[in-house]
Structure formats: C-alpha cells, structure tokens
C-alpha cells in the first residue's frame, strides 16, 4: 500500500464507517496539521508498508524490522517513557479493589481481543494478586459469552470467586498442576505472565492449541530468546497479530511482537 492509497482508504473509512468523524490519527494521515510533524511522510509511509504486509506476520519478520525511527528497546513507535507511565503514575489502575498492572494500551487491546476471539477458556500463567484473571473473566461476562478462566501461580491467591479457578503450582512444572481438561475446549487464549519457565509453558500449551487460538506473552522484552527458540521450533505455525500489537502505533504494548495467533 502506498501513502496515497492509505490516504484514500482512510478518507473512505472516515466517511462510510465513522460517520465523517476522524480520529486524531486520521487527521494526521489526511495531512491536517502536517506542518507540525516534519516526520509525517516517514511515519505514514511506515504504516502504509505495515498494512501492505497484512495483519498476521511471521515472528522472525517482525524481529528483523529496520529500527530507524523506533524506540530500540521495544522496537516501538512510542517512547519507552510513555509505556512506563502508562500503568499509572499515582498508582496502578484497579479492578475489584486490586491493583491491575496493565498499561492503558494493553487494557484496551485485551478487551478488544476478547470481544473478537470469544474464547471458551482463558489460561493465565502467573496470577499475581489475582486482579488480571478477575478482569478477564469479568470482560467475558460483559461480552456475553461463556468462558472458563484458569490462573496458575506459585503463590496462593487469596481470592474466592466462582468465575475464576486459581491454582497454586509452579509454572516450570505446569503439566503437574493443571487439570488435564483445562484446554480441552476452544477457542483458547493463553496469557504467559509468570516470567519463569517461559519456553516450557509455550511448549506445553502448543501441544493443545489449535488454529485460531492465541498466546499473549506479557512483558516480552527480555523473553526474546525463548520466543525465538519457540518460533524456530514451530515454523509457520504462529504469527504476530499486528492488528493488536500495532493498534496504537507499532508495538504500543508490553507484548512486543508477542500477541501470537496459531495459524496451523
């Protein structure tokens, strides 16, 4: 897609789907305020190139991207400082009175992904204080679909709620603690947020995932080696869903190139 094609597509979307109301980004694409952004052509050109590549992009292609104009730490269009502050500066956002350690970007991205995927089971590896599992279970209920939410952590989570099964166990030996039928139903969403035994967790769930299922690897900066090994072991079976990783700009998320869809 060329820059001119992106401009035409944006104008068409604004008129037909958004009732003539552009977003701030739409205004920039349509060159309103271009004089305030000397990097406009390079920025919009990058987005046009990304759209041409399609929604689902192999992980190794994303890793090898030219970093010019991106934050090199996270291969992102947003500065690292913005993501740092996006979890809150006064304190984290809360859910049901518990700190929810999500960025504002991921708070929106996961909400949209759940609405689209409508998983029958969510498996979270790394419960923390339990807020994240409660939040996802509540989102499933708000979206109006039945979903089993299971969350595993080495530390016992002192929460009793019928919508979530909190299991005490070591992610490094995940198969010893999860019920055998945990991932029996689909679609499936797996969230890796334990930061230990990452490769083992990915291999364990891989055996049970099917086409269309998702893996989200949280805080993936620092987990690049495990993701590289996992994707090399399963070539062509997973792709980065750029619709979500790039929804607010390239890798405007803590899940850097790690919202993965099972493709085969």
Protein backbone atom coordinates (compact mmCIF):
# COMPACT_ATOMS: atom_id res chain seq x y z
CA UNK A 1 0.00 0.00 0.00
CA UNK A 2 1.36 3.42 -0.95
CA UNK A 3 0.94 6.58 1.10
CA UNK A 4 -1.66 7.87 -1.37
CA UNK A 5 -3.58 4.59 -1.11
CA UNK A 6 -3.51 4.86 2.70
CA UNK A 7 -4.86 8.40 2.49
CA UNK A 8 -7.68 7.30 0.17
CA UNK A 9 -8.55 4.30 2.36
CA UNK A 10 -8.58 6.47 5.49
CA UNK A 11 -10.83 9.07 3.89
CA UNK A 12 -13.21 6.32 2.73
CA UNK A 13 -13.33 4.72 6.20
CA UNK A 14 -13.98 8.04 7.93
CA UNK A 15 -16.85 8.85 5.59
CA UNK A 16 -18.50 5.43 5.44
CA UNK A 17 -17.80 3.83 8.82
CA UNK A 18 -17.15 6.69 11.22
CA UNK A 19 -19.96 8.98 10.06
CA UNK A 20 -17.48 11.63 8.98
CA UNK A 21 -15.74 11.87 12.36
CA UNK A 22 -11.95 11.39 12.08
CA UNK A 23 -9.65 10.32 14.88
CA UNK A 24 -6.56 12.38 15.72
CA UNK A 25 -4.57 9.85 13.69
CA UNK A 26 -6.98 10.08 10.76
CA UNK A 27 -6.42 13.84 10.69
CA UNK A 28 -2.68 13.31 10.53
CA UNK A 29 -2.97 10.76 7.72
CA UNK A 30 -5.21 13.18 5.83
CA UNK A 31 -2.43 15.77 6.19
CA UNK A 32 -4.26 18.08 8.56
CA UNK A 33 -1.57 19.57 10.77
CA UNK A 34 1.21 18.20 8.56
CA UNK A 35 3.23 21.34 9.19
CA UNK A 36 3.55 20.35 12.86
CA UNK A 37 5.08 16.96 12.08
CA UNK A 38 8.26 17.13 9.96
CA UNK A 39 8.46 13.32 10.02
CA UNK A 40 4.94 12.91 8.65
CA UNK A 41 5.90 11.23 5.39
CA UNK A 42 8.27 8.73 7.02
CA UNK A 43 5.76 7.92 9.78
CA UNK A 44 2.78 7.44 7.46
CA UNK A 45 4.96 5.58 4.97
CA UNK A 46 5.88 3.06 7.68
CA UNK A 47 2.21 2.48 8.43
CA UNK A 48 1.39 2.04 4.76
CA UNK A 49 4.15 -0.55 4.44
CA UNK A 50 2.88 -2.39 7.50
CA UNK A 51 -0.66 -2.52 6.10
CA UNK A 52 0.68 -3.96 2.87
CA UNK A 53 2.36 -6.77 4.86
CA UNK A 54 -1.05 -7.83 6.19
CA UNK A 55 -2.44 -8.50 9.63
CA UNK A 56 -0.65 -11.74 10.51
CA UNK A 57 3.12 -11.51 10.15
CA UNK A 58 5.67 -14.26 10.93
CA UNK A 59 7.56 -13.56 14.14
CA UNK A 60 11.03 -13.61 12.56
CA UNK A 61 9.94 -10.97 10.05
CA UNK A 62 8.85 -8.71 12.87
CA UNK A 63 12.09 -9.25 14.77
CA UNK A 64 14.20 -8.29 11.76
CA UNK A 65 12.45 -4.95 11.17
CA UNK A 66 14.51 -1.84 10.47
CA UNK A 67 14.65 0.06 13.78
CA UNK A 68 15.02 3.51 12.24
CA UNK A 69 12.54 5.83 13.91
CA UNK A 70 11.58 3.24 16.53
CA UNK A 71 12.43 3.01 20.22
CA UNK A 72 15.20 0.37 20.03
CA UNK A 73 14.42 -1.09 23.46
CA UNK A 74 10.97 -2.30 22.42
CA UNK A 75 11.02 -1.83 18.62
CA UNK A 76 8.16 0.58 19.19
CA UNK A 77 6.87 3.86 17.82
CA UNK A 78 6.12 5.10 21.32
CA UNK A 79 9.00 6.12 23.60
CA UNK A 80 9.82 3.78 26.47
CA UNK A 81 8.93 6.54 28.94
CA UNK A 82 5.36 6.61 27.64
CA UNK A 83 4.86 2.89 28.29
CA UNK A 84 6.46 3.27 31.73
CA UNK A 85 3.91 5.91 32.71
CA UNK A 86 1.00 4.12 31.05
CA UNK A 87 0.48 1.81 34.04
CA UNK A 88 -0.20 4.87 36.17
CA UNK A 89 1.96 7.39 37.97
CA UNK A 90 -0.08 7.92 41.13
CA UNK A 91 -0.76 4.20 41.43
CA UNK A 92 -1.80 1.29 39.15
CA UNK A 93 -5.32 1.05 37.81
CA UNK A 94 -7.52 -1.12 39.98
CA UNK A 95 -10.04 -3.86 39.31
CA UNK A 96 -12.37 -5.05 42.06
CA UNK A 97 -10.19 -3.16 44.54
CA UNK A 98 -6.94 -4.86 43.44
CA UNK A 99 -4.04 -3.31 41.58
CA UNK A 100 -4.23 -4.22 37.90
CA UNK A 101 -0.75 -3.92 36.49
CA UNK A 102 -1.78 -3.26 32.89
CA UNK A 103 -0.79 -0.39 30.65
CA UNK A 104 -3.62 1.70 29.28
CA UNK A 105 -2.71 0.27 25.86
CA UNK A 106 -2.99 -3.38 26.96
CA UNK A 107 -6.15 -2.60 28.93
CA UNK A 108 -7.81 -1.69 25.63
CA UNK A 109 -6.06 -4.28 23.44
CA UNK A 110 -7.02 -7.30 25.55
CA UNK A 111 -10.59 -6.04 25.80
CA UNK A 112 -10.84 -5.92 22.00
CA UNK A 113 -9.14 -9.29 21.54
CA UNK A 114 -11.53 -11.00 23.93
CA UNK A 115 -14.52 -9.47 22.14
CA UNK A 116 -13.26 -10.80 18.80
CA UNK A 117 -11.96 -14.21 19.89
CA UNK A 118 -14.71 -15.02 22.42
CA UNK A 119 -12.59 -17.79 23.98
CA UNK A 120 -14.17 -20.72 25.75
CA UNK A 121 -11.14 -20.94 28.03
CA UNK A 122 -8.56 -18.45 29.25
CA UNK A 123 -5.40 -19.84 30.83
CA UNK A 124 -3.27 -17.33 32.69
CA UNK A 125 0.18 -18.42 33.86
CA UNK A 126 1.24 -16.01 36.60
CA UNK A 127 -1.68 -14.81 38.73
CA UNK A 128 -0.02 -12.07 40.76
CA UNK A 129 -2.65 -10.72 43.12
CA UNK A 130 -5.49 -12.17 41.02
CA UNK A 131 -6.74 -8.90 39.53
CA UNK A 132 -5.87 -9.77 35.93
CA UNK A 133 -7.75 -13.08 35.93
CA UNK A 134 -10.77 -11.46 37.57
CA UNK A 135 -10.69 -8.68 34.98
CA UNK A 136 -10.60 -11.06 32.01
CA UNK A 137 -13.36 -13.23 33.49
CA UNK A 138 -15.50 -10.13 34.02
CA UNK A 139 -14.83 -9.00 30.45
CA UNK A 140 -16.01 -12.35 29.15
CA UNK A 141 -19.22 -11.98 31.13
CA UNK A 142 -19.72 -8.40 29.92
CA UNK A 143 -19.23 -9.53 26.32
CA UNK A 144 -21.85 -12.20 26.89
CA UNK A 145 -20.03 -15.47 26.28
CA UNK A 146 -19.31 -18.47 28.49
CA UNK A 147 -15.65 -18.80 29.37
CA UNK A 148 -13.67 -20.90 31.82
CA UNK A 149 -10.84 -18.82 33.35
CA UNK A 150 -7.95 -20.68 34.99
CA UNK A 151 -4.98 -18.93 36.61
CA UNK A 152 -1.81 -20.60 37.93
CA UNK A 153 0.76 -19.14 40.30
CA UNK A 154 3.43 -20.41 42.68
CA UNK A 155 1.86 -18.33 45.45
CA UNK A 156 -1.69 -18.98 46.61
CA UNK A 157 -4.07 -16.21 45.57
CA UNK A 158 -6.40 -15.41 48.49
CA UNK A 159 -9.45 -14.87 46.27
CA UNK A 160 -12.57 -16.99 46.09
CA UNK A 161 -14.75 -16.28 43.09
CA UNK A 162 -16.79 -18.71 41.04
CA UNK A 163 -15.73 -17.14 37.75
CA UNK A 164 -12.02 -18.00 38.18
CA UNK A 165 -10.15 -21.15 39.15
CA UNK A 166 -6.99 -20.10 40.99
CA UNK A 167 -4.48 -22.95 41.12
CA UNK A 168 -1.33 -22.98 43.22
CA UNK A 169 1.57 -24.51 41.29
CA UNK A 170 4.94 -24.00 39.66
CA UNK A 171 4.86 -22.78 36.04
CA UNK A 172 8.10 -24.66 35.45
CA UNK A 173 6.15 -27.88 36.01
CA UNK A 174 2.85 -26.68 34.61
CA UNK A 175 1.63 -30.08 33.48
CA UNK A 176 1.73 -31.41 37.04
CA UNK A 177 -0.74 -28.83 38.35
CA UNK A 178 -3.27 -28.05 35.65
CA UNK A 179 -6.29 -30.34 35.23
CA UNK A 180 -5.92 -32.38 32.03
CA UNK A 181 -9.06 -30.85 30.53
CA UNK A 182 -8.02 -27.22 31.08
CA UNK A 183 -7.51 -26.54 27.37
CA UNK A 184 -9.97 -29.13 26.08
CA UNK A 185 -12.35 -26.54 24.67
CA UNK A 186 -11.71 -23.79 22.15
CA UNK A 187 -11.19 -21.11 21.12
CA UNK A 188 -8.38 -20.74 23.66
CA UNK A 189 -6.43 -17.75 24.97
CA UNK A 190 -3.20 -18.35 26.89
CA UNK A 191 -1.55 -15.47 28.77
CA UNK A 192 2.05 -16.07 29.89
CA UNK A 193 2.89 -13.65 32.68
CA UNK A 194 4.93 -15.78 35.08
CA UNK A 195 8.38 -14.85 33.76
CA UNK A 196 9.79 -18.28 34.66
CA UNK A 197 9.88 -21.41 32.56
CA UNK A 198 8.60 -19.44 29.58
CA UNK A 199 9.76 -21.88 26.90
CA UNK A 200 8.34 -24.84 28.81
CA UNK A 201 4.97 -23.12 29.20
CA UNK A 202 4.85 -22.31 25.48
CA UNK A 203 5.69 -25.89 24.52
CA UNK A 204 3.12 -27.28 26.94
CA UNK A 205 0.26 -25.20 25.56
CA UNK A 206 1.42 -25.67 21.96
CA UNK A 207 0.51 -29.35 22.15
CA UNK A 208 -3.09 -28.41 22.93
CA UNK A 209 -3.69 -25.28 20.88
CA UNK A 210 -5.40 -25.30 17.51
CA UNK A 211 -5.66 -22.94 14.56
CA UNK A 212 -7.18 -19.61 15.61
CA UNK A 213 -6.10 -19.86 19.26
CA UNK A 214 -3.93 -17.14 20.80
CA UNK A 215 -0.88 -16.83 23.04
CA UNK A 216 -0.09 -13.50 24.68
CA UNK A 217 3.40 -13.21 26.19
CA UNK A 218 3.39 -10.29 28.62
CA UNK A 219 6.48 -8.12 29.19
CA UNK A 220 8.19 -9.86 26.31
CA UNK A 221 11.24 -7.59 26.25
CA UNK A 222 13.78 -9.90 27.86
CA UNK A 223 11.98 -13.03 26.63
CA UNK A 224 13.22 -12.71 23.07
CA UNK A 225 15.47 -15.77 23.24
CA UNK A 226 12.60 -18.01 24.38
CA UNK A 227 10.26 -16.61 21.71
CA UNK A 228 12.93 -17.05 19.05
CA UNK A 229 13.53 -20.67 20.03
CA UNK A 230 9.81 -21.42 20.21
CA UNK A 231 9.02 -19.96 16.81
CA UNK A 232 12.04 -21.66 15.24
CA UNK A 233 10.80 -24.99 16.61
CA UNK A 234 7.35 -24.43 15.07
CA UNK A 235 7.94 -22.65 11.74
CA UNK A 236 4.86 -21.22 10.10
CA UNK A 237 2.58 -22.18 12.97
CA UNK A 238 2.38 -18.81 14.72
CA UNK A 239 2.18 -15.23 13.51
CA UNK A 240 2.15 -11.85 15.22
CA UNK A 241 -1.32 -10.31 15.11
CA UNK A 242 -0.33 -6.78 14.14
CA UNK A 243 -3.92 -5.59 14.40
CA UNK A 244 -3.39 -5.62 18.16
CA UNK A 245 0.35 -5.11 18.63
CA UNK A 246 0.19 -2.03 16.40
CA UNK A 247 -3.30 -0.75 17.20
CA UNK A 248 -1.96 2.41 18.90
CA UNK A 249 1.28 2.52 16.90
CA UNK A 250 3.87 -0.16 16.25
CA UNK A 251 4.34 -2.22 19.42
CA UNK A 252 2.43 0.20 21.64
CA UNK A 253 2.09 -2.65 24.13
CA UNK A 254 4.05 -4.57 26.76
CA UNK A 255 3.57 -7.62 24.49
CA UNK A 256 6.25 -6.65 21.96
CA UNK A 257 5.66 -8.80 18.87
CA UNK A 258 4.11 -11.38 21.18
CA UNK A 259 0.38 -11.43 20.58
CA UNK A 260 0.55 -14.66 18.63
CA UNK A 261 -2.16 -16.42 16.66
CA UNK A 262 -1.91 -20.13 15.93
CA UNK A 263 -2.01 -20.34 12.13
CA UNK A 264 -1.79 -24.09 11.56
